[in-house]
């Protein structure tokens, strides 16, 4: 499947912003099952950009610097991504959760994708006993890793209600867990907290899901905005396997990975420092349009 993705972020400032220095993590990464074929970034009315190093996680980072007064700012990201990712199928010979935990602890991989980097609590996902107890029934150490991962994701999808008004971007996992309501970020963080409490490597994935579902299928929750889900490392043979607790599904051909980190703070689409007075309003819109091979070739021509 080929997707054309358009992600627009608009800022309206109460007073003119005199200077801003921001990190943009909007360009999807190349990851198993997906390849970025084209990418363009536009900032208006002002600003200069240059590539920057990802200080944490797996992300393509662009540094944006604004050095002249602006009252409005529009950041438009366009990408074409080819996704060829099959739905994972649990197998009888999958490693157990106990084996996954042991292999992760013994990993000597020093890359940003090392399972050892995702074993421990992070600033936005601290330990929580109530969450650990809730997740534990699905995380028996003798259970196959893939089977356990999708079972927990589906239970979260059943037990929690999607409610965009229930939480904010900085709501800690224990608050969303207590009220059993929230958005994709909350559900991903709750699941990651439970997996790490069981000694398992779990990462926070940020990206997109297709806006328009295939004929006869229901629209996925989280379309028209950035989406978040969970990656569970399932041993060296399986690698990182994605599960989406918001929708109770695997990460497959409907998902496009933009960035991967320990939590949202490491891979936020936009963050930085803005010098100005007054409040700001932000509006975000996302379109993920699937293309067939003929349409993609015609658009490229």
C-alpha atoms as a PDB file:
ATOM      1  CA  UNK A   1       0.000   0.000   0.000  1.00  0.00           C
ATOM      2  CA  UNK A   2       1.199   3.526  -0.857  1.00  0.00           C
ATOM      3  CA  UNK A   3       0.032   6.469   1.236  1.00  0.00           C
ATOM      4  CA  UNK A   4       0.096  10.184   0.560  1.00  0.00           C
ATOM      5  CA  UNK A   5       0.206  11.938   3.925  1.00  0.00           C
ATOM      6  CA  UNK A   6      -0.461  15.608   4.604  1.00  0.00           C
ATOM      7  CA  UNK A   7       0.057  16.887   8.147  1.00  0.00           C
ATOM      8  CA  UNK A   8      -0.657  20.578   8.797  1.00  0.00           C
ATOM      9  CA  UNK A   9       0.012  22.334  12.120  1.00  0.00           C
ATOM     10  CA  UNK A  10      -1.170  25.931  12.529  1.00  0.00           C
ATOM     11  CA  UNK A  11      -0.210  28.234  15.405  1.00  0.00           C
ATOM     12  CA  UNK A  12      -1.999  31.493  16.205  1.00  0.00           C
ATOM     13  CA  UNK A  13      -0.183  33.622  18.781  1.00  0.00           C
ATOM     14  CA  UNK A  14      -1.769  36.250  21.025  1.00  0.00           C
ATOM     15  CA  UNK A  15       1.138  38.593  20.316  1.00  0.00           C
ATOM     16  CA  UNK A  16       3.951  38.520  17.820  1.00  0.00           C
ATOM     17  CA  UNK A  17       6.563  35.837  18.499  1.00  0.00           C
ATOM     18  CA  UNK A  18      10.019  37.369  18.152  1.00  0.00           C
ATOM     19  CA  UNK A  19      12.069  34.179  18.223  1.00  0.00           C
ATOM     20  CA  UNK A  20      11.414  30.432  18.172  1.00  0.00           C
ATOM     21  CA  UNK A  21      13.642  27.378  18.104  1.00  0.00           C
ATOM     22  CA  UNK A  22      11.730  24.148  17.593  1.00  0.00           C
ATOM     23  CA  UNK A  23      12.319  20.493  16.857  1.00  0.00           C
ATOM     24  CA  UNK A  24      10.080  18.957  14.200  1.00  0.00           C
ATOM     25  CA  UNK A  25       9.650  15.177  14.078  1.00  0.00           C
ATOM     26  CA  UNK A  26       7.287  14.936  11.141  1.00  0.00           C
ATOM     27  CA  UNK A  27       9.173  12.927   8.535  1.00  0.00           C
ATOM     28  CA  UNK A  28       8.362   9.201   8.809  1.00  0.00           C
ATOM     29  CA  UNK A  29      11.302   6.913   9.449  1.00  0.00           C
ATOM     30  CA  UNK A  30      12.306   3.933   7.349  1.00  0.00           C
ATOM     31  CA  UNK A  31      11.290   0.916   9.413  1.00  0.00           C
ATOM     32  CA  UNK A  32      10.714  -2.776   8.705  1.00  0.00           C
ATOM     33  CA  UNK A  33       7.637  -2.951   6.494  1.00  0.00           C
ATOM     34  CA  UNK A  34       7.716   0.669   5.328  1.00  0.00           C
ATOM     35  CA  UNK A  35       9.847   2.924   3.152  1.00  0.00           C
ATOM     36  CA  UNK A  36       9.649   6.683   2.674  1.00  0.00           C
ATOM     37  CA  UNK A  37       9.580   7.470  -1.041  1.00  0.00           C
ATOM     38  CA  UNK A  38       9.198  11.246  -0.921  1.00  0.00           C
ATOM     39  CA  UNK A  39       9.052  14.000   1.676  1.00  0.00           C
ATOM     40  CA  UNK A  40       8.621  17.787   1.713  1.00  0.00           C
ATOM     41  CA  UNK A  41       8.362  20.312   4.539  1.00  0.00           C
ATOM     42  CA  UNK A  42       7.001  23.850   4.199  1.00  0.00           C
ATOM     43  CA  UNK A  43       7.004  26.585   6.866  1.00  0.00           C
ATOM     44  CA  UNK A  44       5.148  29.875   6.326  1.00  0.00           C
ATOM     45  CA  UNK A  45       5.387  32.804   6.537  1.00  0.00           C
ATOM     46  CA  UNK A  46       8.949  32.627   7.884  1.00  0.00           C
ATOM     47  CA  UNK A  47      11.589  30.344   9.298  1.00  0.00           C
ATOM     48  CA  UNK A  48      14.692  28.424   8.308  1.00  0.00           C
ATOM     49  CA  UNK A  49      15.169  24.701   8.745  1.00  0.00           C
ATOM     50  CA  UNK A  50      18.076  22.279   8.845  1.00  0.00           C
ATOM     51  CA  UNK A  51      18.522  18.616   9.819  1.00  0.00           C
ATOM     52  CA  UNK A  52      19.300  17.896  13.469  1.00  0.00           C
ATOM     53  CA  UNK A  53      20.424  14.874  15.435  1.00  0.00           C
ATOM     54  CA  UNK A  54      17.832  12.856  17.299  1.00  0.00           C
ATOM     55  CA  UNK A  55      18.855  13.157  20.947  1.00  0.00           C
ATOM     56  CA  UNK A  56      16.722  10.167  21.933  1.00  0.00           C
ATOM     57  CA  UNK A  57      14.577   7.571  20.239  1.00  0.00           C
ATOM     58  CA  UNK A  58      14.266   6.854  16.535  1.00  0.00           C
ATOM     59  CA  UNK A  59      13.198   9.954  14.609  1.00  0.00           C
ATOM     60  CA  UNK A  60      14.045  12.239  11.721  1.00  0.00           C
ATOM     61  CA  UNK A  61      14.529  15.625  13.369  1.00  0.00           C
ATOM     62  CA  UNK A  62      14.385  19.018  11.639  1.00  0.00           C
ATOM     63  CA  UNK A  63      15.397  22.155  13.530  1.00  0.00           C
ATOM     64  CA  UNK A  64      13.190  25.180  12.856  1.00  0.00           C
ATOM     65  CA  UNK A  65      14.428  28.656  13.771  1.00  0.00           C
ATOM     66  CA  UNK A  66      12.262  31.793  13.487  1.00  0.00           C
ATOM     67  CA  UNK A  67      14.076  35.114  13.864  1.00  0.00           C
ATOM     68  CA  UNK A  68      11.492  37.645  12.729  1.00  0.00           C
ATOM     69  CA  UNK A  69       8.149  38.539  14.370  1.00  0.00           C
ATOM     70  CA  UNK A  70       5.178  36.352  13.398  1.00  0.00           C
ATOM     71  CA  UNK A  71       1.586  36.196  14.635  1.00  0.00           C
ATOM     72  CA  UNK A  72       0.713  33.019  12.726  1.00  0.00           C
ATOM     73  CA  UNK A  73       2.753  30.029  11.674  1.00  0.00           C
ATOM     74  CA  UNK A  74       1.865  27.102   9.426  1.00  0.00           C
ATOM     75  CA  UNK A  75       3.979  23.954   9.251  1.00  0.00           C
ATOM     76  CA  UNK A  76       3.006  21.595   6.440  1.00  0.00           C
ATOM     77  CA  UNK A  77       4.533  18.145   6.095  1.00  0.00           C
ATOM     78  CA  UNK A  78       3.908  15.954   3.031  1.00  0.00           C
ATOM     79  CA  UNK A  79       5.137  12.385   2.689  1.00  0.00           C
ATOM     80  CA  UNK A  80       4.674   9.435   0.402  1.00  0.00           C
ATOM     81  CA  UNK A  81       5.249   6.145   2.179  1.00  0.00           C
ATOM     82  CA  UNK A  82       5.111   2.588   0.902  1.00  0.00           C
ATOM     83  CA  UNK A  83       3.842   0.146   3.533  1.00  0.00           C
ATOM     84  CA  UNK A  84       4.229  -3.588   3.011  1.00  0.00           C
ATOM     85  CA  UNK A  85       3.623  -5.044   6.442  1.00  0.00           C
ATOM     86  CA  UNK A  86       1.715  -8.262   7.028  1.00  0.00           C
ATOM     87  CA  UNK A  87      -0.539  -8.877  10.011  1.00  0.00           C
ATOM     88  CA  UNK A  88       1.541 -10.806  12.578  1.00  0.00           C
ATOM     89  CA  UNK A  89       0.363 -14.311  13.388  1.00  0.00           C
ATOM     90  CA  UNK A  90       1.268 -15.856  16.759  1.00  0.00           C
ATOM     91  CA  UNK A  91       3.121 -19.164  16.380  1.00  0.00           C
ATOM     92  CA  UNK A  92       3.622 -22.092  18.718  1.00  0.00           C
ATOM     93  CA  UNK A  93       7.388 -21.532  18.692  1.00  0.00           C
ATOM     94  CA  UNK A  94       7.231 -17.840  19.607  1.00  0.00           C
ATOM     95  CA  UNK A  95       9.426 -17.016  22.602  1.00  0.00           C
ATOM     96  CA  UNK A  96       7.623 -16.765  25.903  1.00  0.00           C
ATOM     97  CA  UNK A  97       7.455 -13.518  27.830  1.00  0.00           C
ATOM     98  CA  UNK A  98      10.004 -14.923  30.286  1.00  0.00           C
ATOM     99  CA  UNK A  99      12.403 -15.667  27.421  1.00  0.00           C
ATOM    100  CA  UNK A 100      11.852 -12.217  25.896  1.00  0.00           C
ATOM    101  CA  UNK A 101      12.596 -10.527  29.222  1.00  0.00           C
ATOM    102  CA  UNK A 102      15.764 -12.569  29.678  1.00  0.00           C
ATOM    103  CA  UNK A 103      17.017 -11.887  26.138  1.00  0.00           C
ATOM    104  CA  UNK A 104      16.312  -8.165  26.466  1.00  0.00           C
ATOM    105  CA  UNK A 105      18.234  -7.911  29.740  1.00  0.00           C
ATOM    106  CA  UNK A 106      21.184  -9.672  28.131  1.00  0.00           C
ATOM    107  CA  UNK A 107      21.156  -7.628  24.919  1.00  0.00           C
ATOM    108  CA  UNK A 108      24.461  -5.992  23.946  1.00  0.00           C
ATOM    109  CA  UNK A 109      22.850  -3.904  21.202  1.00  0.00           C
ATOM    110  CA  UNK A 110      23.829  -0.244  21.701  1.00  0.00           C
ATOM    111  CA  UNK A 111      21.617   1.213  18.949  1.00  0.00           C
ATOM    112  CA  UNK A 112      18.504   3.337  19.451  1.00  0.00           C
ATOM    113  CA  UNK A 113      16.444   0.220  18.665  1.00  0.00           C
ATOM    114  CA  UNK A 114      18.021  -1.887  21.402  1.00  0.00           C
ATOM    115  CA  UNK A 115      15.388  -3.676  23.525  1.00  0.00           C
ATOM    116  CA  UNK A 116      17.441  -2.892  26.632  1.00  0.00           C
ATOM    117  CA  UNK A 117      16.694   0.818  26.151  1.00  0.00           C
ATOM    118  CA  UNK A 118      12.959   0.229  26.592  1.00  0.00           C
ATOM    119  CA  UNK A 119      12.897  -1.979  29.690  1.00  0.00           C
ATOM    120  CA  UNK A 120      12.725   0.686  32.354  1.00  0.00           C
ATOM    121  CA  UNK A 121      10.382   3.496  33.433  1.00  0.00           C
ATOM    122  CA  UNK A 122      10.694   6.818  31.617  1.00  0.00           C
ATOM    123  CA  UNK A 123       9.768  10.375  32.650  1.00  0.00           C
ATOM    124  CA  UNK A 124       6.206  10.227  31.317  1.00  0.00           C
ATOM    125  CA  UNK A 125       5.632   6.529  32.095  1.00  0.00           C
ATOM    126  CA  UNK A 126       6.627   5.940  35.722  1.00  0.00           C
ATOM    127  CA  UNK A 127       5.973   2.693  37.614  1.00  0.00           C
ATOM    128  CA  UNK A 128       2.384   2.218  38.759  1.00  0.00           C
ATOM    129  CA  UNK A 129       1.233  -0.724  40.857  1.00  0.00           C
ATOM    130  CA  UNK A 130      -2.457  -0.462  39.899  1.00  0.00           C
ATOM    131  CA  UNK A 131      -1.606  -0.553  36.180  1.00  0.00           C
ATOM    132  CA  UNK A 132       0.834  -3.441  36.702  1.00  0.00           C
ATOM    133  CA  UNK A 133      -1.837  -5.450  38.539  1.00  0.00           C
ATOM    134  CA  UNK A 134      -4.400  -4.753  35.803  1.00  0.00           C
ATOM    135  CA  UNK A 135      -2.058  -5.925  33.031  1.00  0.00           C
ATOM    136  CA  UNK A 136      -0.621  -8.942  34.877  1.00  0.00           C
ATOM    137  CA  UNK A 137      -3.381 -11.495  33.996  1.00  0.00           C
ATOM    138  CA  UNK A 138      -2.478 -11.224  30.293  1.00  0.00           C
ATOM    139  CA  UNK A 139       1.277 -11.312  30.936  1.00  0.00           C
ATOM    140  CA  UNK A 140       1.888 -14.771  32.351  1.00  0.00           C
ATOM    141  CA  UNK A 141       5.646 -15.385  31.854  1.00  0.00           C
ATOM    142  CA  UNK A 142       4.974 -18.745  30.175  1.00  0.00           C
ATOM    143  CA  UNK A 143       2.727 -17.197  27.528  1.00  0.00           C
ATOM    144  CA  UNK A 144       3.872 -16.590  23.950  1.00  0.00           C
ATOM    145  CA  UNK A 145       4.966 -12.986  23.455  1.00  0.00           C
ATOM    146  CA  UNK A 146       2.768 -12.149  20.461  1.00  0.00           C
ATOM    147  CA  UNK A 147      -0.291 -13.863  21.907  1.00  0.00           C
ATOM    148  CA  UNK A 148       0.092 -11.965  25.181  1.00  0.00           C
ATOM    149  CA  UNK A 149       0.690  -8.612  23.483  1.00  0.00           C
ATOM    150  CA  UNK A 150      -2.451  -8.658  21.363  1.00  0.00           C
ATOM    151  CA  UNK A 151      -4.541 -10.029  24.248  1.00  0.00           C
ATOM    152  CA  UNK A 152      -3.582  -7.092  26.477  1.00  0.00           C
ATOM    153  CA  UNK A 153      -4.164  -4.569  23.678  1.00  0.00           C
ATOM    154  CA  UNK A 154      -7.638  -5.941  23.043  1.00  0.00           C
ATOM    155  CA  UNK A 155      -8.534  -5.890  26.735  1.00  0.00           C
ATOM    156  CA  UNK A 156      -7.534  -2.235  26.987  1.00  0.00           C
ATOM    157  CA  UNK A 157      -9.619  -1.505  23.898  1.00  0.00           C
ATOM    158  CA  UNK A 158     -12.635  -3.179  25.516  1.00  0.00           C
ATOM    159  CA  UNK A 159     -12.236  -1.683  28.985  1.00  0.00           C
ATOM    160  CA  UNK A 160     -11.381   1.930  28.146  1.00  0.00           C
ATOM    161  CA  UNK A 161     -13.488   4.559  26.378  1.00  0.00           C
ATOM    162  CA  UNK A 162     -12.036   6.889  23.761  1.00  0.00           C
ATOM    163  CA  UNK A 163     -12.794  10.417  24.967  1.00  0.00           C
ATOM    164  CA  UNK A 164     -10.822  13.327  23.543  1.00  0.00           C
ATOM    165  CA  UNK A 165     -12.084  15.631  26.299  1.00  0.00           C
ATOM    166  CA  UNK A 166     -10.992  13.391  29.180  1.00  0.00           C
ATOM    167  CA  UNK A 167      -7.236  14.032  29.152  1.00  0.00           C
ATOM    168  CA  UNK A 168      -4.545  16.477  28.051  1.00  0.00           C
ATOM    169  CA  UNK A 169      -1.179  15.826  26.426  1.00  0.00           C
ATOM    170  CA  UNK A 170       0.517  15.914  29.852  1.00  0.00           C
ATOM    171  CA  UNK A 171      -2.027  13.750  31.708  1.00  0.00           C
ATOM    172  CA  UNK A 172      -0.073  11.017  33.542  1.00  0.00           C
ATOM    173  CA  UNK A 173      -0.996   7.385  32.890  1.00  0.00           C
ATOM    174  CA  UNK A 174      -2.402   6.802  36.381  1.00  0.00           C
ATOM    175  CA  UNK A 175      -5.067   9.496  35.891  1.00  0.00           C
ATOM    176  CA  UNK A 176      -6.266   8.101  32.561  1.00  0.00           C
ATOM    177  CA  UNK A 177      -6.195   4.606  34.052  1.00  0.00           C
ATOM    178  CA  UNK A 178      -8.280   5.650  37.058  1.00  0.00           C
ATOM    179  CA  UNK A 179     -11.049   7.118  34.932  1.00  0.00           C
ATOM    180  CA  UNK A 180     -10.836   4.438  32.206  1.00  0.00           C
ATOM    181  CA  UNK A 181     -11.033   7.157  29.550  1.00  0.00           C
ATOM    182  CA  UNK A 182      -8.623   8.967  27.292  1.00  0.00           C
ATOM    183  CA  UNK A 183      -7.039   8.987  23.853  1.00  0.00           C
ATOM    184  CA  UNK A 184      -4.509   6.880  21.986  1.00  0.00           C
ATOM    185  CA  UNK A 185      -1.558   8.400  23.873  1.00  0.00           C
ATOM    186  CA  UNK A 186      -3.109   7.414  27.195  1.00  0.00           C
ATOM    187  CA  UNK A 187      -3.885   3.848  26.137  1.00  0.00           C
ATOM    188  CA  UNK A 188      -0.380   3.368  24.719  1.00  0.00           C
ATOM    189  CA  UNK A 189       1.237   4.694  27.901  1.00  0.00           C
ATOM    190  CA  UNK A 190      -0.933   2.487  30.120  1.00  0.00           C
ATOM    191  CA  UNK A 191      -0.021  -0.605  28.123  1.00  0.00           C
ATOM    192  CA  UNK A 192       3.680   0.285  28.094  1.00  0.00           C
ATOM    193  CA  UNK A 193       3.630   0.804  31.846  1.00  0.00           C
ATOM    194  CA  UNK A 194       2.171  -2.674  32.359  1.00  0.00           C
ATOM    195  CA  UNK A 195       4.610  -4.345  29.964  1.00  0.00           C
ATOM    196  CA  UNK A 196       7.657  -2.714  31.561  1.00  0.00           C
ATOM    197  CA  UNK A 197       6.391  -3.663  35.013  1.00  0.00           C
ATOM    198  CA  UNK A 198       6.530  -7.276  33.803  1.00  0.00           C
ATOM    199  CA  UNK A 199      10.163  -6.796  32.715  1.00  0.00           C
ATOM    200  CA  UNK A 200       9.355  -6.524  29.011  1.00  0.00           C
ATOM    201  CA  UNK A 201      10.818  -4.054  26.474  1.00  0.00           C
ATOM    202  CA  UNK A 202       8.039  -1.763  25.247  1.00  0.00           C
ATOM    203  CA  UNK A 203       8.338   1.363  23.090  1.00  0.00           C
ATOM    204  CA  UNK A 204       6.016   4.260  22.277  1.00  0.00           C
ATOM    205  CA  UNK A 205       5.285   4.559  18.545  1.00  0.00           C
ATOM    206  CA  UNK A 206       3.934   7.761  17.007  1.00  0.00           C
ATOM    207  CA  UNK A 207       2.569   8.041  13.504  1.00  0.00           C
ATOM    208  CA  UNK A 208      -0.560   7.778  11.426  1.00  0.00           C
ATOM    209  CA  UNK A 209      -3.340   5.384  10.498  1.00  0.00           C
ATOM    210  CA  UNK A 210      -5.216   5.517   7.234  1.00  0.00           C
ATOM    211  CA  UNK A 211      -8.025   8.072   7.143  1.00  0.00           C
ATOM    212  CA  UNK A 212     -10.461   6.178   4.940  1.00  0.00           C
ATOM    213  CA  UNK A 213     -10.930   2.462   5.693  1.00  0.00           C
ATOM    214  CA  UNK A 214     -11.164  -0.219   3.008  1.00  0.00           C
ATOM    215  CA  UNK A 215     -14.699  -0.932   1.742  1.00  0.00           C
ATOM    216  CA  UNK A 216     -16.794  -2.780   4.299  1.00  0.00           C
ATOM    217  CA  UNK A 217     -14.506  -1.989   7.242  1.00  0.00           C
ATOM    218  CA  UNK A 218     -15.090   0.422  10.115  1.00  0.00           C
ATOM    219  CA  UNK A 219     -13.152   3.655  10.399  1.00  0.00           C
ATOM    220  CA  UNK A 220     -10.234   3.297  12.822  1.00  0.00           C
ATOM    221  CA  UNK A 221     -10.181   5.436  15.945  1.00  0.00           C
ATOM    222  CA  UNK A 222      -7.408   8.026  15.757  1.00  0.00           C
ATOM    223  CA  UNK A 223      -7.660   8.926  12.079  1.00  0.00           C
ATOM    224  CA  UNK A 224      -7.385  12.612  11.101  1.00  0.00           C
ATOM    225  CA  UNK A 225      -4.703  13.186  13.747  1.00  0.00           C
ATOM    226  CA  UNK A 226      -1.387  11.778  14.838  1.00  0.00           C
ATOM    227  CA  UNK A 227      -1.800   8.356  16.391  1.00  0.00           C
ATOM    228  CA  UNK A 228       0.078   6.405  19.058  1.00  0.00           C
ATOM    229  CA  UNK A 229       0.482   2.708  19.751  1.00  0.00           C
ATOM    230  CA  UNK A 230       2.907   0.211  21.316  1.00  0.00           C
ATOM    231  CA  UNK A 231       5.889  -1.764  20.069  1.00  0.00           C
ATOM    232  CA  UNK A 232       6.739  -4.936  21.987  1.00  0.00           C
ATOM    233  CA  UNK A 233      10.112  -6.559  21.354  1.00  0.00           C
ATOM    234  CA  UNK A 234       9.494 -10.266  20.816  1.00  0.00           C
ATOM    235  CA  UNK A 235      13.014 -11.645  20.513  1.00  0.00           C
ATOM    236  CA  UNK A 236      15.667 -11.367  17.774  1.00  0.00           C
ATOM    237  CA  UNK A 237      13.722 -13.471  15.262  1.00  0.00           C
ATOM    238  CA  UNK A 238      10.442 -11.543  15.543  1.00  0.00           C
ATOM    239  CA  UNK A 239      11.925  -8.185  16.475  1.00  0.00           C
ATOM    240  CA  UNK A 240       9.637  -5.256  17.314  1.00  0.00           C
ATOM    241  CA  UNK A 241       5.950  -6.093  16.828  1.00  0.00           C
ATOM    242  CA  UNK A 242       3.328  -3.342  16.934  1.00  0.00           C
ATOM    243  CA  UNK A 243      -0.010  -3.537  18.746  1.00  0.00           C
ATOM    244  CA  UNK A 244      -2.649  -0.797  18.817  1.00  0.00           C
ATOM    245  CA  UNK A 245      -4.597  -0.750  22.102  1.00  0.00           C
ATOM    246  CA  UNK A 246      -6.881   2.051  20.908  1.00  0.00           C
ATOM    247  CA  UNK A 247      -8.312  -0.176  18.186  1.00  0.00           C
ATOM    248  CA  UNK A 248      -7.370  -3.606  19.534  1.00  0.00           C
ATOM    249  CA  UNK A 249      -5.419  -4.527  16.392  1.00  0.00           C
ATOM    250  CA  UNK A 250      -1.918  -5.273  15.169  1.00  0.00           C
ATOM    251  CA  UNK A 251       0.276  -2.672  13.537  1.00  0.00           C
ATOM    252  CA  UNK A 252       0.072  -3.728   9.916  1.00  0.00           C
ATOM    253  CA  UNK A 253      -0.668  -2.070   6.581  1.00  0.00           C
ATOM    254  CA  UNK A 254      -2.923   0.633   8.097  1.00  0.00           C
ATOM    255  CA  UNK A 255      -0.139   2.128  10.261  1.00  0.00           C
ATOM    256  CA  UNK A 256       2.695   4.474   9.280  1.00  0.00           C
ATOM    257  CA  UNK A 257       5.495   4.885  11.820  1.00  0.00           C
ATOM    258  CA  UNK A 258       6.882   8.416  12.180  1.00  0.00           C
ATOM    259  CA  UNK A 259       9.000   8.063  15.329  1.00  0.00           C
ATOM    260  CA  UNK A 260       9.737   5.638  18.174  1.00  0.00           C
ATOM    261  CA  UNK A 261      10.835   6.475  21.709  1.00  0.00           C
ATOM    262  CA  UNK A 262      10.484   5.607  25.370  1.00  0.00           C
ATOM    263  CA  UNK A 263       7.511   7.966  25.695  1.00  0.00           C
ATOM    264  CA  UNK A 264       5.841  10.923  24.003  1.00  0.00           C
ATOM    265  CA  UNK A 265       8.371  13.466  25.278  1.00  0.00           C
ATOM    266  CA  UNK A 266      11.164  11.944  23.172  1.00  0.00           C
ATOM    267  CA  UNK A 267       9.236  12.003  19.900  1.00  0.00           C
ATOM    268  CA  UNK A 268       6.666  14.821  20.095  1.00  0.00           C
ATOM    269  CA  UNK A 269       5.878  16.062  16.558  1.00  0.00           C
ATOM    270  CA  UNK A 270       6.708  19.662  17.537  1.00  0.00           C
ATOM    271  CA  UNK A 271       8.484  20.980  20.620  1.00  0.00           C
ATOM    272  CA  UNK A 272      10.874  23.766  21.499  1.00  0.00           C
ATOM    273  CA  UNK A 273      11.149  27.296  22.855  1.00  0.00           C
ATOM    274  CA  UNK A 274       9.038  30.284  21.791  1.00  0.00           C
ATOM    275  CA  UNK A 275       9.745  33.851  22.975  1.00  0.00           C
ATOM    276  CA  UNK A 276       6.623  35.983  23.042  1.00  0.00           C
ATOM    277  CA  UNK A 277       3.758  37.215  25.173  1.00  0.00           C
ATOM    278  CA  UNK A 278       0.200  35.949  25.401  1.00  0.00           C
ATOM    279  CA  UNK A 279      -1.446  32.628  24.708  1.00  0.00           C
ATOM    280  CA  UNK A 280      -1.299  30.491  21.599  1.00  0.00           C
ATOM    281  CA  UNK A 281      -3.829  28.342  19.779  1.00  0.00           C
ATOM    282  CA  UNK A 282      -2.826  25.260  17.802  1.00  0.00           C
ATOM    283  CA  UNK A 283      -4.813  23.411  15.163  1.00  0.00           C
ATOM    284  CA  UNK A 284      -3.683  20.115  13.626  1.00  0.00           C
ATOM    285  CA  UNK A 285      -5.099  18.274  10.631  1.00  0.00           C
ATOM    286  CA  UNK A 286      -3.925  14.997   9.118  1.00  0.00           C
ATOM    287  CA  UNK A 287      -4.932  13.244   5.904  1.00  0.00           C
ATOM    288  CA  UNK A 288      -3.662   9.754   5.074  1.00  0.00           C
ATOM    289  CA  UNK A 289      -4.812   8.858   1.574  1.00  0.00           C
ATOM    290  CA  UNK A 290      -4.124   5.389   0.148  1.00  0.00           C
ATOM    291  CA  UNK A 291      -3.023   5.248  -3.489  1.00  0.00           C
ATOM    292  CA  UNK A 292      -2.925   2.327  -5.863  1.00  0.00           C
ATOM    293  CA  UNK A 293       0.201   1.731  -7.979  1.00  0.00           C
ATOM    294  CA  UNK A 294      -1.258   3.439 -11.069  1.00  0.00           C
ATOM    295  CA  UNK A 295      -2.282   6.565  -9.156  1.00  0.00           C
ATOM    296  CA  UNK A 296       1.122   6.779  -7.481  1.00  0.00           C
ATOM    297  CA  UNK A 297       2.941   6.459 -10.820  1.00  0.00           C
ATOM    298  CA  UNK A 298       0.738   9.118 -12.414  1.00  0.00           C
ATOM    299  CA  UNK A 299       1.296  11.510  -9.497  1.00  0.00           C
ATOM    300  CA  UNK A 300       5.063  10.984  -9.681  1.00  0.00           C
ATOM    301  CA  UNK A 301       5.055  11.674 -13.417  1.00  0.00           C
END
